[in-house]
């Protein structure tokens, strides 16, 4: 009976680091999941804002309506007067693409392709093509490569 007194302390010393590692890992996975869905919501806000606008010039990435939509998705206001929802996310990271039903990029009509002949796009695709990099921080583990989160949304275009 006397020789078994230290077993509980030794077992606890072996299991506590594993339990802490699991808890911190779960918290990091929850953080990444929350961040991904926040990015997806921002991208969807840009797409839904653009899909209801009239006379959007998809040939010009500097079109005021596209800029307003990106600002709306990032800050919640079209004039960029509020802080960004996700720190580190910039308007340059967001890509807006208009597409036809057959999957062709609508930008082909910008270079004079007769296939579209001034037709409006069918879908708006908004994405973060290069990804939003997230670094995992788990104690007792070596630093891993950043994880690129690449949310993408495609909505039907309802404008003219």
Protein backbone atom coordinates (compact mmCIF):
# COMPACT_ATOMS: atom_id res chain seq x y z
CA UNK A 1 0.00 0.00 0.00
CA UNK A 2 2.82 2.40 0.81
CA UNK A 3 4.54 2.00 -2.56
CA UNK A 4 1.45 3.11 -4.51
CA UNK A 5 1.10 6.62 -3.03
CA UNK A 6 3.11 8.40 -5.76
CA UNK A 7 1.27 6.82 -8.72
CA UNK A 8 -1.44 9.48 -8.86
CA UNK A 9 1.08 12.31 -9.02
CA UNK A 10 3.09 10.61 -11.76
CA UNK A 11 -0.03 9.83 -13.82
CA UNK A 12 -1.29 13.40 -13.45
CA UNK A 13 2.10 14.78 -14.47
CA UNK A 14 1.98 12.65 -17.61
CA UNK A 15 -1.64 13.43 -18.57
CA UNK A 16 -1.94 17.15 -17.79
CA UNK A 17 0.29 18.26 -20.73
CA UNK A 18 -1.71 16.05 -23.11
CA UNK A 19 -5.01 17.46 -21.86
CA UNK A 20 -3.72 21.05 -22.13
CA UNK A 21 -2.47 20.34 -25.66
CA UNK A 22 -5.89 18.98 -26.66
CA UNK A 23 -7.74 21.95 -25.15
CA UNK A 24 -5.50 24.52 -26.83
CA UNK A 25 -5.73 22.63 -30.12
CA UNK A 26 -9.53 22.63 -29.92
CA UNK A 27 -9.51 26.37 -29.23
CA UNK A 28 -7.27 26.98 -32.26
CA UNK A 29 -9.53 24.89 -34.51
CA UNK A 30 -12.54 26.85 -33.22
CA UNK A 31 -10.72 30.11 -33.96
CA UNK A 32 -9.94 29.03 -37.53
CA UNK A 33 -13.52 27.85 -38.10
CA UNK A 34 -14.94 31.14 -36.81
CA UNK A 35 -12.49 33.13 -38.94
CA UNK A 36 -13.34 31.10 -42.06
CA UNK A 37 -17.06 31.69 -41.65
CA UNK A 38 -16.48 35.39 -40.95
CA UNK A 39 -14.47 35.62 -44.19
CA UNK A 40 -17.18 33.68 -46.03
CA UNK A 41 -19.82 36.09 -44.72
CA UNK A 42 -17.74 39.09 -45.85
CA UNK A 43 -17.28 37.59 -49.32
CA UNK A 44 -21.00 36.79 -49.52
CA UNK A 45 -21.85 40.38 -48.52
CA UNK A 46 -19.76 41.68 -51.43
CA UNK A 47 -21.43 39.26 -53.87
CA UNK A 48 -24.98 39.92 -52.70
CA UNK A 49 -24.43 43.69 -52.76
CA UNK A 50 -23.10 43.55 -56.34
CA UNK A 51 -25.78 41.15 -57.55
CA UNK A 52 -28.51 43.73 -56.92
CA UNK A 53 -26.76 46.77 -58.42
CA UNK A 54 -27.61 48.30 -61.79
CA UNK A 55 -25.04 49.20 -64.48
CA UNK A 56 -21.97 47.63 -62.87
CA UNK A 57 -18.93 47.81 -65.14
CA UNK A 58 -17.25 44.45 -64.53
CA UNK A 59 -14.60 45.31 -67.10
CA UNK A 60 -13.18 47.97 -64.76
CA UNK A 61 -12.01 46.69 -61.35
CA UNK A 62 -11.95 50.32 -60.17
CA UNK A 63 -15.67 50.79 -60.82
CA UNK A 64 -17.22 52.77 -57.92
CA UNK A 65 -19.94 50.15 -57.41
CA UNK A 66 -17.36 47.35 -57.10
CA UNK A 67 -15.30 49.45 -54.69
CA UNK A 68 -18.42 50.24 -52.64
CA UNK A 69 -19.36 46.55 -52.54
CA UNK A 70 -15.89 45.52 -51.35
CA UNK A 71 -15.95 48.24 -48.69
CA UNK A 72 -19.39 47.06 -47.62
CA UNK A 73 -18.15 43.48 -47.24
CA UNK A 74 -15.07 44.53 -45.27
CA UNK A 75 -16.50 47.21 -42.99
CA UNK A 76 -20.30 47.20 -43.25
CA UNK A 77 -20.33 50.66 -44.86
CA UNK A 78 -19.83 51.63 -48.50
CA UNK A 79 -17.61 54.61 -47.70
CA UNK A 80 -15.00 52.64 -45.70
CA UNK A 81 -15.62 54.76 -42.59
CA UNK A 82 -15.88 51.87 -40.12
CA UNK A 83 -13.14 49.50 -38.94
CA UNK A 84 -12.55 46.26 -40.84
CA UNK A 85 -14.33 43.16 -39.47
CA UNK A 86 -11.27 40.92 -39.93
CA UNK A 87 -7.90 42.45 -39.10
CA UNK A 88 -5.43 42.08 -41.95
CA UNK A 89 -8.07 41.68 -44.67
CA UNK A 90 -7.62 44.33 -47.37
CA UNK A 91 -9.63 45.19 -50.50
CA UNK A 92 -6.72 43.99 -52.67
CA UNK A 93 -7.24 40.43 -51.40
CA UNK A 94 -10.81 40.20 -52.71
CA UNK A 95 -11.44 39.20 -56.31
CA UNK A 96 -14.73 39.91 -58.10
CA UNK A 97 -15.43 37.94 -61.28
CA UNK A 98 -18.55 37.94 -63.45
CA UNK A 99 -19.34 34.69 -65.28
CA UNK A 100 -21.72 33.30 -67.87
CA UNK A 101 -23.79 30.10 -67.52
CA UNK A 102 -21.31 28.07 -69.52
CA UNK A 103 -18.58 28.88 -66.94
CA UNK A 104 -16.70 31.33 -69.13
CA UNK A 105 -15.25 34.38 -67.52
CA UNK A 106 -17.31 37.44 -68.39
CA UNK A 107 -14.09 39.44 -68.75
CA UNK A 108 -13.76 37.92 -72.23
CA UNK A 109 -16.44 40.36 -73.34
CA UNK A 110 -14.20 43.21 -72.23
CA UNK A 111 -11.68 42.38 -74.94
CA UNK A 112 -14.31 42.39 -77.69
CA UNK A 113 -15.25 38.73 -77.87
CA UNK A 114 -18.34 38.34 -80.09
CA UNK A 115 -19.55 35.47 -77.87
CA UNK A 116 -21.11 37.85 -75.36
CA UNK A 117 -21.90 40.89 -77.51
CA UNK A 118 -22.80 43.11 -74.59
CA UNK A 119 -24.82 40.49 -72.70
CA UNK A 120 -24.96 40.77 -68.94
CA UNK A 121 -23.29 38.16 -66.72
CA UNK A 122 -25.26 35.35 -65.13
CA UNK A 123 -23.24 34.93 -61.92
CA UNK A 124 -21.01 36.98 -59.66
CA UNK A 125 -18.11 35.07 -58.10
CA UNK A 126 -16.32 36.72 -55.20
CA UNK A 127 -13.33 35.03 -53.58
CA UNK A 128 -10.04 35.47 -51.80
CA UNK A 129 -7.89 33.68 -54.40
CA UNK A 130 -4.52 33.90 -52.66
CA UNK A 131 -6.02 33.04 -49.30
CA UNK A 132 -6.07 34.72 -45.91
CA UNK A 133 -3.14 33.24 -43.99
CA UNK A 134 -3.73 32.03 -40.43
CA UNK A 135 -0.91 30.89 -38.17
CA UNK A 136 -1.68 28.16 -35.63
CA UNK A 137 -0.18 28.69 -32.19
CA UNK A 138 -0.12 25.52 -30.13
CA UNK A 139 2.30 25.33 -27.21
CA UNK A 140 4.80 22.48 -27.04
CA UNK A 141 4.55 21.97 -30.82
CA UNK A 142 6.88 23.41 -33.44
CA UNK A 143 5.56 26.31 -35.51
CA UNK A 144 3.63 25.02 -38.51
CA UNK A 145 3.14 26.61 -41.91
CA UNK A 146 0.31 29.16 -42.11
CA UNK A 147 -3.05 27.85 -43.28
CA UNK A 148 -4.55 29.75 -46.25
CA UNK A 149 -8.31 30.23 -45.93
CA UNK A 150 -9.85 30.65 -49.40
CA UNK A 151 -13.59 31.26 -49.17
CA UNK A 152 -15.49 31.68 -52.43
CA UNK A 153 -19.13 32.53 -53.17
CA UNK A 154 -21.11 32.50 -56.41
CA UNK A 155 -24.49 34.27 -56.57
CA UNK A 156 -26.85 34.91 -59.51
CA UNK A 157 -26.62 38.38 -60.98
CA UNK A 158 -29.94 40.20 -60.86
CA UNK A 159 -28.88 43.65 -62.07
CA UNK A 160 -28.85 44.93 -65.61
